[in-house]
PDB file of all heavy atoms in Angstrom:
ATOM      1  N   PHE A   1      -6.469  10.632  13.712  1.00  0.00           N
ATOM      2  CA  PHE A   1      -6.642   9.501  12.785  1.00  0.00           C
ATOM      3  C   PHE A   1      -5.597   8.471  13.063  1.00  0.00           C
ATOM      4  O   PHE A   1      -4.501   8.678  13.454  1.00  0.00           O
ATOM      5  CB  PHE A   1      -6.495   9.973  11.284  1.00  0.00           C
ATOM      6  CG  PHE A   1      -7.555  10.930  10.864  1.00  0.00           C
ATOM      7  CD1 PHE A   1      -7.624  12.254  11.144  1.00  0.00           C
ATOM      8  CD2 PHE A   1      -8.707  10.309  10.193  1.00  0.00           C
ATOM      9  CE1 PHE A   1      -8.649  13.030  10.705  1.00  0.00           C
ATOM     10  CE2 PHE A   1      -9.700  11.196   9.693  1.00  0.00           C
ATOM     11  CZ  PHE A   1      -9.610  12.538   9.963  1.00  0.00           C
ATOM     12  N   ARG A   2      -6.029   7.147  12.848  1.00  0.00           N
ATOM     13  CA  ARG A   2      -5.136   6.016  12.969  1.00  0.00           C
ATOM     14  C   ARG A   2      -4.520   5.709  11.583  1.00  0.00           C
ATOM     15  O   ARG A   2      -5.271   5.614  10.614  1.00  0.00           O
ATOM     16  CB  ARG A   2      -5.886   4.875  13.572  1.00  0.00           C
ATOM     17  CG  ARG A   2      -4.899   3.643  13.822  1.00  0.00           C
ATOM     18  CD  ARG A   2      -5.667   2.627  14.738  1.00  0.00           C
ATOM     19  NE  ARG A   2      -6.780   2.077  14.113  1.00  0.00           N
ATOM     20  CZ  ARG A   2      -6.843   0.993  13.302  1.00  0.00           C
ATOM     21  NH1 ARG A   2      -5.677   0.373  13.100  1.00  0.00           N
ATOM     22  NH2 ARG A   2      -7.837   0.550  12.729  1.00  0.00           N
ATOM     23  N   ILE A   3      -3.216   5.637  11.521  1.00  0.00           N
ATOM     24  CA  ILE A   3      -2.530   5.432  10.261  1.00  0.00           C
ATOM     25  C   ILE A   3      -1.816   4.105  10.225  1.00  0.00           C
ATOM     26  O   ILE A   3      -1.076   3.751  11.202  1.00  0.00           O
ATOM     27  CB  ILE A   3      -1.423   6.522   9.940  1.00  0.00           C
ATOM     28  CG1 ILE A   3      -2.020   7.927  10.243  1.00  0.00           C
ATOM     29  CG2 ILE A   3      -0.841   6.312   8.631  1.00  0.00           C
ATOM     30  CD1 ILE A   3      -3.144   8.299   9.226  1.00  0.00           C
ATOM     31  N   THR A   4      -1.990   3.355   9.144  1.00  0.00           N
ATOM     32  CA  THR A   4      -1.242   2.115   8.872  1.00  0.00           C
ATOM     33  C   THR A   4      -0.404   2.254   7.603  1.00  0.00           C
ATOM     34  O   THR A   4      -0.970   2.656   6.494  1.00  0.00           O
ATOM     35  CB  THR A   4      -2.239   0.911   8.671  1.00  0.00           C
ATOM     36  OG1 THR A   4      -2.920   0.700   9.920  1.00  0.00           O
ATOM     37  CG2 THR A   4      -1.419  -0.386   8.397  1.00  0.00           C
ATOM     38  N   LEU A   5       0.881   2.047   7.716  1.00  0.00           N
ATOM     39  CA  LEU A   5       1.773   2.172   6.590  1.00  0.00           C
ATOM     40  C   LEU A   5       2.225   0.742   6.227  1.00  0.00           C
ATOM     41  O   LEU A   5       3.020   0.149   7.077  1.00  0.00           O
ATOM     42  CB  LEU A   5       2.951   3.072   6.808  1.00  0.00           C
ATOM     43  CG  LEU A   5       2.657   4.541   7.135  1.00  0.00           C
ATOM     44  CD1 LEU A   5       3.856   5.329   7.419  1.00  0.00           C
ATOM     45  CD2 LEU A   5       1.901   5.145   5.919  1.00  0.00           C
ATOM     46  N   LEU A   6       1.856   0.179   5.075  1.00  0.00           N
ATOM     47  CA  LEU A   6       2.248  -1.137   4.727  1.00  0.00           C
ATOM     48  C   LEU A   6       3.643  -1.160   4.058  1.00  0.00           C
ATOM     49  O   LEU A   6       3.995  -0.249   3.252  1.00  0.00           O
ATOM     50  CB  LEU A   6       1.221  -1.669   3.697  1.00  0.00           C
ATOM     51  CG  LEU A   6      -0.218  -1.755   4.193  1.00  0.00           C
ATOM     52  CD1 LEU A   6      -1.090  -2.165   3.085  1.00  0.00           C
ATOM     53  CD2 LEU A   6      -0.338  -2.728   5.405  1.00  0.00           C
ATOM     54  N   PRO A   7       4.426  -2.135   4.368  1.00  0.00           N
ATOM     55  CA  PRO A   7       5.748  -2.235   3.728  1.00  0.00           C
ATOM     56  C   PRO A   7       5.608  -2.821   2.279  1.00  0.00           C
ATOM     57  O   PRO A   7       4.751  -3.654   2.065  1.00  0.00           O
ATOM     58  CB  PRO A   7       6.492  -3.287   4.608  1.00  0.00           C
ATOM     59  CG  PRO A   7       5.435  -4.173   5.155  1.00  0.00           C
ATOM     60  CD  PRO A   7       4.167  -3.275   5.283  1.00  0.00           C
ATOM     61  N   PRO A   8       6.485  -2.404   1.404  1.00  0.00           N
ATOM     62  CA  PRO A   8       6.590  -2.997   0.118  1.00  0.00           C
ATOM     63  C   PRO A   8       7.270  -4.302   0.193  1.00  0.00           C
ATOM     64  O   PRO A   8       7.997  -4.560   1.120  1.00  0.00           O
ATOM     65  CB  PRO A   8       7.299  -2.001  -0.730  1.00  0.00           C
ATOM     66  CG  PRO A   8       8.200  -1.344   0.218  1.00  0.00           C
ATOM     67  CD  PRO A   8       7.464  -1.290   1.491  1.00  0.00           C
ATOM     68  N   GLY A   9       7.147  -5.229  -0.899  1.00  0.00           N
ATOM     69  CA  GLY A   9       7.972  -6.362  -0.918  1.00  0.00           C
ATOM     70  C   GLY A   9       9.391  -5.999  -1.324  1.00  0.00           C
ATOM     71  O   GLY A   9       9.722  -4.785  -1.576  1.00  0.00           O
ATOM     72  N   PRO A  10      10.323  -6.957  -1.360  1.00  0.00           N
ATOM     73  CA  PRO A  10      11.698  -6.588  -1.715  1.00  0.00           C
ATOM     74  C   PRO A  10      11.774  -6.022  -3.161  1.00  0.00           C
ATOM     75  O   PRO A  10      12.730  -5.374  -3.500  1.00  0.00           O
ATOM     76  CB  PRO A  10      12.394  -7.968  -1.664  1.00  0.00           C
ATOM     77  CG  PRO A  10      11.600  -8.769  -0.724  1.00  0.00           C
ATOM     78  CD  PRO A  10      10.162  -8.365  -0.962  1.00  0.00           C
ATOM     79  N   ASP A  11      10.800  -6.308  -3.967  1.00  0.00           N
ATOM     80  CA  ASP A  11      10.730  -5.644  -5.311  1.00  0.00           C
ATOM     81  C   ASP A  11      10.067  -4.330  -5.363  1.00  0.00           C
ATOM     82  O   ASP A  11       9.923  -3.667  -6.402  1.00  0.00           O
ATOM     83  CB  ASP A  11      10.005  -6.611  -6.301  1.00  0.00           C
ATOM     84  CG  ASP A  11       8.587  -6.980  -5.777  1.00  0.00           C
ATOM     85  OD1 ASP A  11       8.109  -6.407  -4.789  1.00  0.00           O
ATOM     86  OD2 ASP A  11       7.928  -7.787  -6.486  1.00  0.00           O
ATOM     87  N   GLY A  12       9.619  -3.805  -4.194  1.00  0.00           N
ATOM     88  CA  GLY A  12       9.023  -2.505  -4.120  1.00  0.00           C
ATOM     89  C   GLY A  12       7.485  -2.483  -4.398  1.00  0.00           C
ATOM     90  O   GLY A  12       6.875  -1.448  -4.219  1.00  0.00           O
ATOM     91  N   LEU A  13       6.972  -3.645  -4.661  1.00  0.00           N
ATOM     92  CA  LEU A  13       5.444  -3.723  -4.912  1.00  0.00           C
ATOM     93  C   LEU A  13       4.738  -4.106  -3.720  1.00  0.00           C
ATOM     94  O   LEU A  13       5.079  -4.738  -2.847  1.00  0.00           O
ATOM     95  CB  LEU A  13       5.268  -4.730  -6.086  1.00  0.00           C
ATOM     96  CG  LEU A  13       5.903  -4.484  -7.391  1.00  0.00           C
ATOM     97  CD1 LEU A  13       5.791  -5.662  -8.381  1.00  0.00           C
ATOM     98  CD2 LEU A  13       5.321  -3.244  -8.049  1.00  0.00           C
ATOM     99  N   LEU A  14       3.492  -3.578  -3.703  1.00  0.00           N
ATOM    100  CA  LEU A  14       2.471  -3.861  -2.664  1.00  0.00           C
ATOM    101  C   LEU A  14       1.822  -5.197  -2.929  1.00  0.00           C
ATOM    102  O   LEU A  14       1.440  -5.515  -4.026  1.00  0.00           O
ATOM    103  CB  LEU A  14       1.392  -2.710  -2.687  1.00  0.00           C
ATOM    104  CG  LEU A  14       0.153  -3.029  -1.685  1.00  0.00           C
ATOM    105  CD1 LEU A  14       0.623  -2.962  -0.284  1.00  0.00           C
ATOM    106  CD2 LEU A  14      -0.882  -1.974  -2.009  1.00  0.00           C
ATOM    107  N   ASP A  15       1.748  -5.992  -1.902  1.00  0.00           N
ATOM    108  CA  ASP A  15       0.952  -7.296  -1.903  1.00  0.00           C
ATOM    109  C   ASP A  15      -0.518  -6.885  -1.666  1.00  0.00           C
ATOM    110  O   ASP A  15      -0.875  -6.491  -0.534  1.00  0.00           O
ATOM    111  CB  ASP A  15       1.544  -8.153  -0.862  1.00  0.00           C
ATOM    112  CG  ASP A  15       0.780  -9.523  -0.859  1.00  0.00           C
ATOM    113  OD1 ASP A  15      -0.294  -9.645  -1.641  1.00  0.00           O
ATOM    114  OD2 ASP A  15       1.187 -10.485  -0.164  1.00  0.00           O
ATOM    115  N   PRO A  16      -1.404  -7.029  -2.572  1.00  0.00           N
ATOM    116  CA  PRO A  16      -2.726  -6.649  -2.414  1.00  0.00           C
ATOM    117  C   PRO A  16      -3.398  -7.381  -1.224  1.00  0.00           C
ATOM    118  O   PRO A  16      -4.306  -6.821  -0.599  1.00  0.00           O
ATOM    119  CB  PRO A  16      -3.449  -6.986  -3.742  1.00  0.00           C
ATOM    120  CG  PRO A  16      -2.373  -6.941  -4.748  1.00  0.00           C
ATOM    121  CD  PRO A  16      -1.139  -7.443  -4.009  1.00  0.00           C
ATOM    122  N   LYS A  17      -2.967  -8.619  -1.024  1.00  0.00           N
ATOM    123  CA  LYS A  17      -3.508  -9.425   0.178  1.00  0.00           C
ATOM    124  C   LYS A  17      -3.215  -8.634   1.466  1.00  0.00           C
ATOM    125  O   LYS A  17      -4.109  -8.630   2.412  1.00  0.00           O
ATOM    126  CB  LYS A  17      -2.912 -10.803   0.093  1.00  0.00           C
ATOM    127  CG  LYS A  17      -3.481 -11.694   1.249  1.00  0.00           C
ATOM    128  CD  LYS A  17      -4.895 -11.941   1.027  1.00  0.00           C
ATOM    129  CE  LYS A  17      -5.474 -13.093   1.940  1.00  0.00           C
ATOM    130  NZ  LYS A  17      -5.280 -12.851   3.415  1.00  0.00           N
ATOM    131  N   LYS A  18      -2.048  -8.095   1.618  1.00  0.00           N
ATOM    132  CA  LYS A  18      -1.706  -7.356   2.774  1.00  0.00           C
ATOM    133  C   LYS A  18      -2.658  -6.166   2.997  1.00  0.00           C
ATOM    134  O   LYS A  18      -3.057  -5.791   4.091  1.00  0.00           O
ATOM    135  CB  LYS A  18      -0.269  -6.959   2.741  1.00  0.00           C
ATOM    136  CG  LYS A  18       0.720  -8.081   2.982  1.00  0.00           C
ATOM    137  CD  LYS A  18       2.163  -7.571   3.057  1.00  0.00           C
ATOM    138  CE  LYS A  18       3.131  -8.751   3.371  1.00  0.00           C
ATOM    139  NZ  LYS A  18       4.547  -8.253   3.509  1.00  0.00           N
ATOM    140  N   LEU A  19      -2.898  -5.480   1.856  1.00  0.00           N
ATOM    141  CA  LEU A  19      -3.875  -4.353   1.942  1.00  0.00           C
ATOM    142  C   LEU A  19      -5.242  -4.895   2.407  1.00  0.00           C
ATOM    143  O   LEU A  19      -5.892  -4.318   3.272  1.00  0.00           O
ATOM    144  CB  LEU A  19      -4.004  -3.642   0.573  1.00  0.00           C
ATOM    145  CG  LEU A  19      -5.072  -2.589   0.432  1.00  0.00           C
ATOM    146  CD1 LEU A  19      -4.821  -1.467   1.448  1.00  0.00           C
ATOM    147  CD2 LEU A  19      -5.130  -2.156  -0.974  1.00  0.00           C
ATOM    148  N   GLU A  20      -5.686  -5.872   1.790  1.00  0.00           N
ATOM    149  CA  GLU A  20      -7.040  -6.507   2.141  1.00  0.00           C
ATOM    150  C   GLU A  20      -7.167  -6.791   3.606  1.00  0.00           C
ATOM    151  O   GLU A  20      -8.179  -6.496   4.311  1.00  0.00           O
ATOM    152  CB  GLU A  20      -7.291  -7.699   1.307  1.00  0.00           C
ATOM    153  CG  GLU A  20      -8.754  -8.127   1.219  1.00  0.00           C
ATOM    154  CD  GLU A  20      -8.992  -9.156   0.107  1.00  0.00           C
ATOM    155  OE1 GLU A  20      -8.062  -9.728  -0.454  1.00  0.00           O
ATOM    156  OE2 GLU A  20     -10.216  -9.451  -0.096  1.00  0.00           O
ATOM    157  N   ASP A  21      -6.048  -7.384   4.157  1.00  0.00           N
ATOM    158  CA  ASP A  21      -6.033  -7.756   5.533  1.00  0.00           C
ATOM    159  C   ASP A  21      -5.902  -6.615   6.472  1.00  0.00           C
ATOM    160  O   ASP A  21      -6.437  -6.607   7.613  1.00  0.00           O
ATOM    161  CB  ASP A  21      -4.855  -8.663   5.861  1.00  0.00           C
ATOM    162  CG  ASP A  21      -4.923 -10.084   5.158  1.00  0.00           C
ATOM    163  OD1 ASP A  21      -6.037 -10.453   4.722  1.00  0.00           O
ATOM    164  OD2 ASP A  21      -3.928 -10.728   4.997  1.00  0.00           O
ATOM    165  N   ALA A  22      -5.418  -5.423   5.961  1.00  0.00           N
ATOM    166  CA  ALA A  22      -5.253  -4.273   6.783  1.00  0.00           C
ATOM    167  C   ALA A  22      -6.516  -3.422   6.937  1.00  0.00           C
ATOM    168  O   ALA A  22      -6.667  -2.603   7.805  1.00  0.00           O
ATOM    169  CB  ALA A  22      -4.153  -3.382   6.226  1.00  0.00           C
ATOM    170  N   ILE A  23      -7.449  -3.561   6.014  1.00  0.00           N
ATOM    171  CA  ILE A  23      -8.624  -2.806   6.003  1.00  0.00           C
ATOM    172  C   ILE A  23      -9.559  -3.246   7.141  1.00  0.00           C
ATOM    173  O   ILE A  23      -9.850  -4.425   7.291  1.00  0.00           O
ATOM    174  CB  ILE A  23      -9.343  -2.908   4.691  1.00  0.00           C
ATOM    175  CG1 ILE A  23      -8.525  -2.207   3.548  1.00  0.00           C
ATOM    176  CG2 ILE A  23     -10.749  -2.279   4.664  1.00  0.00           C
ATOM    177  CD1 ILE A  23      -9.100  -2.347   2.174  1.00  0.00           C
ATOM    178  N   THR A  24     -10.118  -2.329   7.880  1.00  0.00           N
ATOM    179  CA  THR A  24     -10.964  -2.614   9.011  1.00  0.00           C
ATOM    180  C   THR A  24     -12.352  -1.819   8.702  1.00  0.00           C
ATOM    181  O   THR A  24     -12.493  -1.130   7.754  1.00  0.00           O
ATOM    182  CB  THR A  24     -10.394  -2.144  10.396  1.00  0.00           C
ATOM    183  OG1 THR A  24     -10.441  -0.716  10.374  1.00  0.00           O
ATOM    184  CG2 THR A  24      -9.000  -2.583  10.593  1.00  0.00           C
ATOM    185  N   LYS A  25     -13.230  -2.009   9.598  1.00  0.00           N
ATOM    186  CA  LYS A  25     -14.555  -1.377   9.445  1.00  0.00           C
ATOM    187  C   LYS A  25     -14.456   0.135   9.622  1.00  0.00           C
ATOM    188  O   LYS A  25     -15.284   0.877   9.226  1.00  0.00           O
ATOM    189  CB  LYS A  25     -15.566  -1.925  10.529  1.00  0.00           C
ATOM    190  CG  LYS A  25     -15.197  -1.674  11.909  1.00  0.00           C
ATOM    191  CD  LYS A  25     -16.223  -2.307  12.872  1.00  0.00           C
ATOM    192  CE  LYS A  25     -15.808  -2.126  14.342  1.00  0.00           C
ATOM    193  NZ  LYS A  25     -15.723  -0.722  14.745  1.00  0.00           N
ATOM    194  N   ASP A  26     -13.391   0.621  10.192  1.00  0.00           N
ATOM    195  CA  ASP A  26     -13.116   2.045  10.443  1.00  0.00           C
ATOM    196  C   ASP A  26     -12.276   2.686   9.312  1.00  0.00           C
ATOM    197  O   ASP A  26     -12.088   3.873   9.275  1.00  0.00           O
ATOM    198  CB  ASP A  26     -12.411   2.306  11.685  1.00  0.00           C
ATOM    199  CG  ASP A  26     -13.214   1.820  12.947  1.00  0.00           C
ATOM    200  OD1 ASP A  26     -14.483   2.019  12.916  1.00  0.00           O
ATOM    201  OD2 ASP A  26     -12.656   1.271  13.876  1.00  0.00           O
ATOM    202  N   THR A  27     -11.833   1.815   8.340  1.00  0.00           N
ATOM    203  CA  THR A  27     -10.916   2.424   7.293  1.00  0.00           C
ATOM    204  C   THR A  27     -11.736   3.324   6.336  1.00  0.00           C
ATOM    205  O   THR A  27     -12.744   2.979   5.892  1.00  0.00           O
ATOM    206  CB  THR A  27     -10.242   1.219   6.498  1.00  0.00           C
ATOM    207  OG1 THR A  27      -9.601   0.392   7.349  1.00  0.00           O
ATOM    208  CG2 THR A  27      -9.297   1.785   5.438  1.00  0.00           C
ATOM    209  N   GLN A  28     -11.245   4.556   6.242  1.00  0.00           N
ATOM    210  CA  GLN A  28     -11.840   5.507   5.387  1.00  0.00           C
ATOM    211  C   GLN A  28     -11.248   5.723   3.959  1.00  0.00           C
ATOM    212  O   GLN A  28     -11.872   5.986   3.045  1.00  0.00           O
ATOM    213  CB  GLN A  28     -11.919   6.873   6.091  1.00  0.00           C
ATOM    214  CG  GLN A  28     -12.694   6.869   7.448  1.00  0.00           C
ATOM    215  CD  GLN A  28     -12.637   8.228   8.076  1.00  0.00           C
ATOM    216  OE1 GLN A  28     -11.859   9.067   7.705  1.00  0.00           O
ATOM    217  NE2 GLN A  28     -13.338   8.374   9.187  1.00  0.00           N
ATOM    218  N   LEU A  29      -9.873   5.600   4.017  1.00  0.00           N
ATOM    219  CA  LEU A  29      -9.163   6.012   2.825  1.00  0.00           C
ATOM    220  C   LEU A  29      -7.841   5.164   2.635  1.00  0.00           C
ATOM    221  O   LEU A  29      -7.180   4.931   3.672  1.00  0.00           O
ATOM    222  CB  LEU A  29      -8.805   7.507   2.901  1.00  0.00           C
ATOM    223  CG  LEU A  29      -8.176   8.108   1.640  1.00  0.00           C
ATOM    224  CD1 LEU A  29      -8.677   9.513   1.360  1.00  0.00           C
ATOM    225  CD2 LEU A  29      -6.574   8.231   1.971  1.00  0.00           C
ATOM    226  N   VAL A  30      -7.475   4.826   1.406  1.00  0.00           N
ATOM    227  CA  VAL A  30      -6.281   4.249   1.124  1.00  0.00           C
ATOM    228  C   VAL A  30      -5.523   5.073   0.099  1.00  0.00           C
ATOM    229  O   VAL A  30      -6.123   5.605  -0.826  1.00  0.00           O
ATOM    230  CB  VAL A  30      -6.484   2.814   0.480  1.00  0.00           C
ATOM    231  CG1 VAL A  30      -5.183   2.223  -0.078  1.00  0.00           C
ATOM    232  CG2 VAL A  30      -7.034   1.828   1.614  1.00  0.00           C
ATOM    233  N   SER A  31      -4.216   5.276   0.257  1.00  0.00           N
ATOM    234  CA  SER A  31      -3.431   6.000  -0.686  1.00  0.00           C
ATOM    235  C   SER A  31      -2.205   5.226  -1.143  1.00  0.00           C
ATOM    236  O   SER A  31      -1.436   4.753  -0.361  1.00  0.00           O
ATOM    237  CB  SER A  31      -2.923   7.335  -0.073  1.00  0.00           C
ATOM    238  OG  SER A  31      -2.140   8.186  -1.026  1.00  0.00           O
ATOM    239  N   VAL A  32      -2.185   4.896  -2.451  1.00  0.00           N
ATOM    240  CA  VAL A  32      -1.055   4.089  -2.993  1.00  0.00           C
ATOM    241  C   VAL A  32      -0.588   4.775  -4.281  1.00  0.00           C
ATOM    242  O   VAL A  32      -1.414   4.967  -5.180  1.00  0.00           O
ATOM    243  CB  VAL A  32      -1.570   2.656  -3.314  1.00  0.00           C
ATOM    244  CG1 VAL A  32      -0.474   1.879  -4.043  1.00  0.00           C
ATOM    245  CG2 VAL A  32      -2.005   1.893  -2.062  1.00  0.00           C
ATOM    246  N   MET A  33       0.689   5.167  -4.319  1.00  0.00           N
ATOM    247  CA  MET A  33       1.301   5.755  -5.451  1.00  0.00           C
ATOM    248  C   MET A  33       1.251   4.803  -6.705  1.00  0.00           C
ATOM    249  O   MET A  33       1.593   3.712  -6.536  1.00  0.00           O
ATOM    250  CB  MET A  33       2.724   6.166  -5.143  1.00  0.00           C
ATOM    251  CG  MET A  33       3.454   6.963  -6.191  1.00  0.00           C
ATOM    252  SD  MET A  33       5.161   7.228  -5.810  1.00  0.00           S
ATOM    253  CE  MET A  33       5.042   8.432  -4.385  1.00  0.00           C
ATOM    254  N   LEU A  34       0.870   5.409  -7.868  1.00  0.00           N
ATOM    255  CA  LEU A  34       0.858   4.601  -9.053  1.00  0.00           C
ATOM    256  C   LEU A  34       2.216   4.139  -9.506  1.00  0.00           C
ATOM    257  O   LEU A  34       2.476   2.967  -9.784  1.00  0.00           O
ATOM    258  CB  LEU A  34       0.096   5.345 -10.177  1.00  0.00           C
ATOM    259  CG  LEU A  34       0.063   4.676 -11.544  1.00  0.00           C
ATOM    260  CD1 LEU A  34      -0.576   3.370 -11.458  1.00  0.00           C
ATOM    261  CD2 LEU A  34      -0.667   5.588 -12.521  1.00  0.00           C
ATOM    262  N   ALA A  35       3.204   5.145  -9.634  1.00  0.00           N
ATOM    263  CA  ALA A  35       4.460   4.793  -9.969  1.00  0.00           C
ATOM    264  C   ALA A  35       5.494   5.526  -9.029  1.00  0.00           C
ATOM    265  O   ALA A  35       5.393   6.724  -8.750  1.00  0.00           O
ATOM    266  CB  ALA A  35       4.844   5.254 -11.450  1.00  0.00           C
ATOM    267  N   ASN A  36       6.323   4.746  -8.395  1.00  0.00           N
ATOM    268  CA  ASN A  36       7.194   5.327  -7.395  1.00  0.00           C
ATOM    269  C   ASN A  36       8.161   6.314  -7.957  1.00  0.00           C
ATOM    270  O   ASN A  36       8.810   6.091  -9.007  1.00  0.00           O
ATOM    271  CB  ASN A  36       7.923   4.201  -6.680  1.00  0.00           C
ATOM    272  CG  ASN A  36       8.677   4.651  -5.406  1.00  0.00           C
ATOM    273  OD1 ASN A  36       9.798   5.179  -5.471  1.00  0.00           O
ATOM    274  ND2 ASN A  36       8.005   4.747  -4.260  1.00  0.00           N
ATOM    275  N   ASN A  37       8.391   7.406  -7.276  1.00  0.00           N
ATOM    276  CA  ASN A  37       9.294   8.488  -7.685  1.00  0.00           C
ATOM    277  C   ASN A  37      10.748   8.165  -7.593  1.00  0.00           C
ATOM    278  O   ASN A  37      11.609   8.834  -8.193  1.00  0.00           O
ATOM    279  CB  ASN A  37       8.983   9.737  -6.936  1.00  0.00           C
ATOM    280  CG  ASN A  37       9.220   9.677  -5.464  1.00  0.00           C
ATOM    281  OD1 ASN A  37       8.604   8.765  -4.813  1.00  0.00           O
ATOM    282  ND2 ASN A  37      10.108  10.404  -4.915  1.00  0.00           N
ATOM    283  N   GLU A  38      11.192   7.116  -6.926  1.00  0.00           N
ATOM    284  CA  GLU A  38      12.592   6.755  -6.760  1.00  0.00           C
ATOM    285  C   GLU A  38      12.941   5.476  -7.534  1.00  0.00           C
ATOM    286  O   GLU A  38      13.831   5.495  -8.261  1.00  0.00           O
ATOM    287  CB  GLU A  38      12.893   6.640  -5.276  1.00  0.00           C
ATOM    288  CG  GLU A  38      12.779   7.889  -4.456  1.00  0.00           C
ATOM    289  CD  GLU A  38      13.459   7.804  -3.095  1.00  0.00           C
ATOM    290  OE1 GLU A  38      14.271   6.868  -2.859  1.00  0.00           O
ATOM    291  OE2 GLU A  38      13.048   8.581  -2.202  1.00  0.00           O
ATOM    292  N   ILE A  39      12.198   4.413  -7.220  1.00  0.00           N
ATOM    293  CA  ILE A  39      12.567   3.123  -7.839  1.00  0.00           C
ATOM    294  C   ILE A  39      11.642   2.838  -9.107  1.00  0.00           C
ATOM    295  O   ILE A  39      11.932   1.852  -9.828  1.00  0.00           O
ATOM    296  CB  ILE A  39      12.466   1.968  -6.864  1.00  0.00           C
ATOM    297  CG1 ILE A  39      11.164   1.871  -6.261  1.00  0.00           C
ATOM    298  CG2 ILE A  39      13.566   2.190  -5.867  1.00  0.00           C
ATOM    299  CD1 ILE A  39      10.955   0.701  -5.345  1.00  0.00           C
ATOM    300  N   GLY A  40      10.723   3.677  -9.358  1.00  0.00           N
ATOM    301  CA  GLY A  40       9.898   3.568 -10.664  1.00  0.00           C
ATOM    302  C   GLY A  40       8.960   2.423 -10.796  1.00  0.00           C
ATOM    303  O   GLY A  40       8.409   2.214 -11.793  1.00  0.00           O
ATOM    304  N   VAL A  41       8.709   1.636  -9.717  1.00  0.00           N
ATOM    305  CA  VAL A  41       7.886   0.456  -9.769  1.00  0.00           C
ATOM    306  C   VAL A  41       6.428   0.961  -9.901  1.00  0.00           C
ATOM    307  O   VAL A  41       6.017   1.979  -9.352  1.00  0.00           O
ATOM    308  CB  VAL A  41       7.997  -0.451  -8.592  1.00  0.00           C
ATOM    309  CG1 VAL A  41       9.383  -1.019  -8.479  1.00  0.00           C
ATOM    310  CG2 VAL A  41       7.663   0.267  -7.294  1.00  0.00           C
ATOM    311  N   ILE A  42       5.634   0.224 -10.681  1.00  0.00           N
ATOM    312  CA  ILE A  42       4.318   0.551 -11.033  1.00  0.00           C
ATOM    313  C   ILE A  42       3.381  -0.401 -10.203  1.00  0.00           C
ATOM    314  O   ILE A  42       3.474  -1.586 -10.389  1.00  0.00           O
ATOM    315  CB  ILE A  42       3.971   0.394 -12.567  1.00  0.00           C
ATOM    316  CG1 ILE A  42       4.908   1.333 -13.298  1.00  0.00           C
ATOM    317  CG2 ILE A  42       2.536   0.681 -12.810  1.00  0.00           C
ATOM    318  CD1 ILE A  42       4.846   1.099 -14.789  1.00  0.00           C
ATOM    319  N   GLN A  43       2.617   0.204  -9.330  1.00  0.00           N
ATOM    320  CA  GLN A  43       1.750  -0.622  -8.368  1.00  0.00           C
ATOM    321  C   GLN A  43       0.570  -1.160  -9.109  1.00  0.00           C
ATOM    322  O   GLN A  43       0.036  -0.575 -10.116  1.00  0.00           O
ATOM    323  CB  GLN A  43       1.310   0.187  -7.164  1.00  0.00           C
ATOM    324  CG  GLN A  43       2.479   0.706  -6.317  1.00  0.00           C
ATOM    325  CD  GLN A  43       3.229  -0.395  -5.603  1.00  0.00           C
ATOM    326  OE1 GLN A  43       2.817  -1.565  -5.610  1.00  0.00           O
ATOM    327  NE2 GLN A  43       4.330  -0.060  -4.993  1.00  0.00           N
ATOM    328  N   PRO A  44      -0.002  -2.349  -8.718  1.00  0.00           N
ATOM    329  CA  PRO A  44      -1.130  -2.891  -9.310  1.00  0.00           C
ATOM    330  C   PRO A  44      -2.446  -2.239  -8.905  1.00  0.00           C
ATOM    331  O   PRO A  44      -3.317  -2.706  -8.245  1.00  0.00           O
ATOM    332  CB  PRO A  44      -1.181  -4.384  -8.795  1.00  0.00           C
ATOM    333  CG  PRO A  44      -0.515  -4.258  -7.400  1.00  0.00           C
ATOM    334  CD  PRO A  44       0.538  -3.151  -7.586  1.00  0.00           C
TER     335      PRO A  44
END
């Protein structure tokens, strides 16, 4: 499988636009933690 790991912003949050740009016709699955276990940020 081909894996893409997106970086968080300096605030720890995912930029949804970066996710949208990373999705290709071969993308099967996305995994995004709801609340981070270390810094506690809540993703959108």
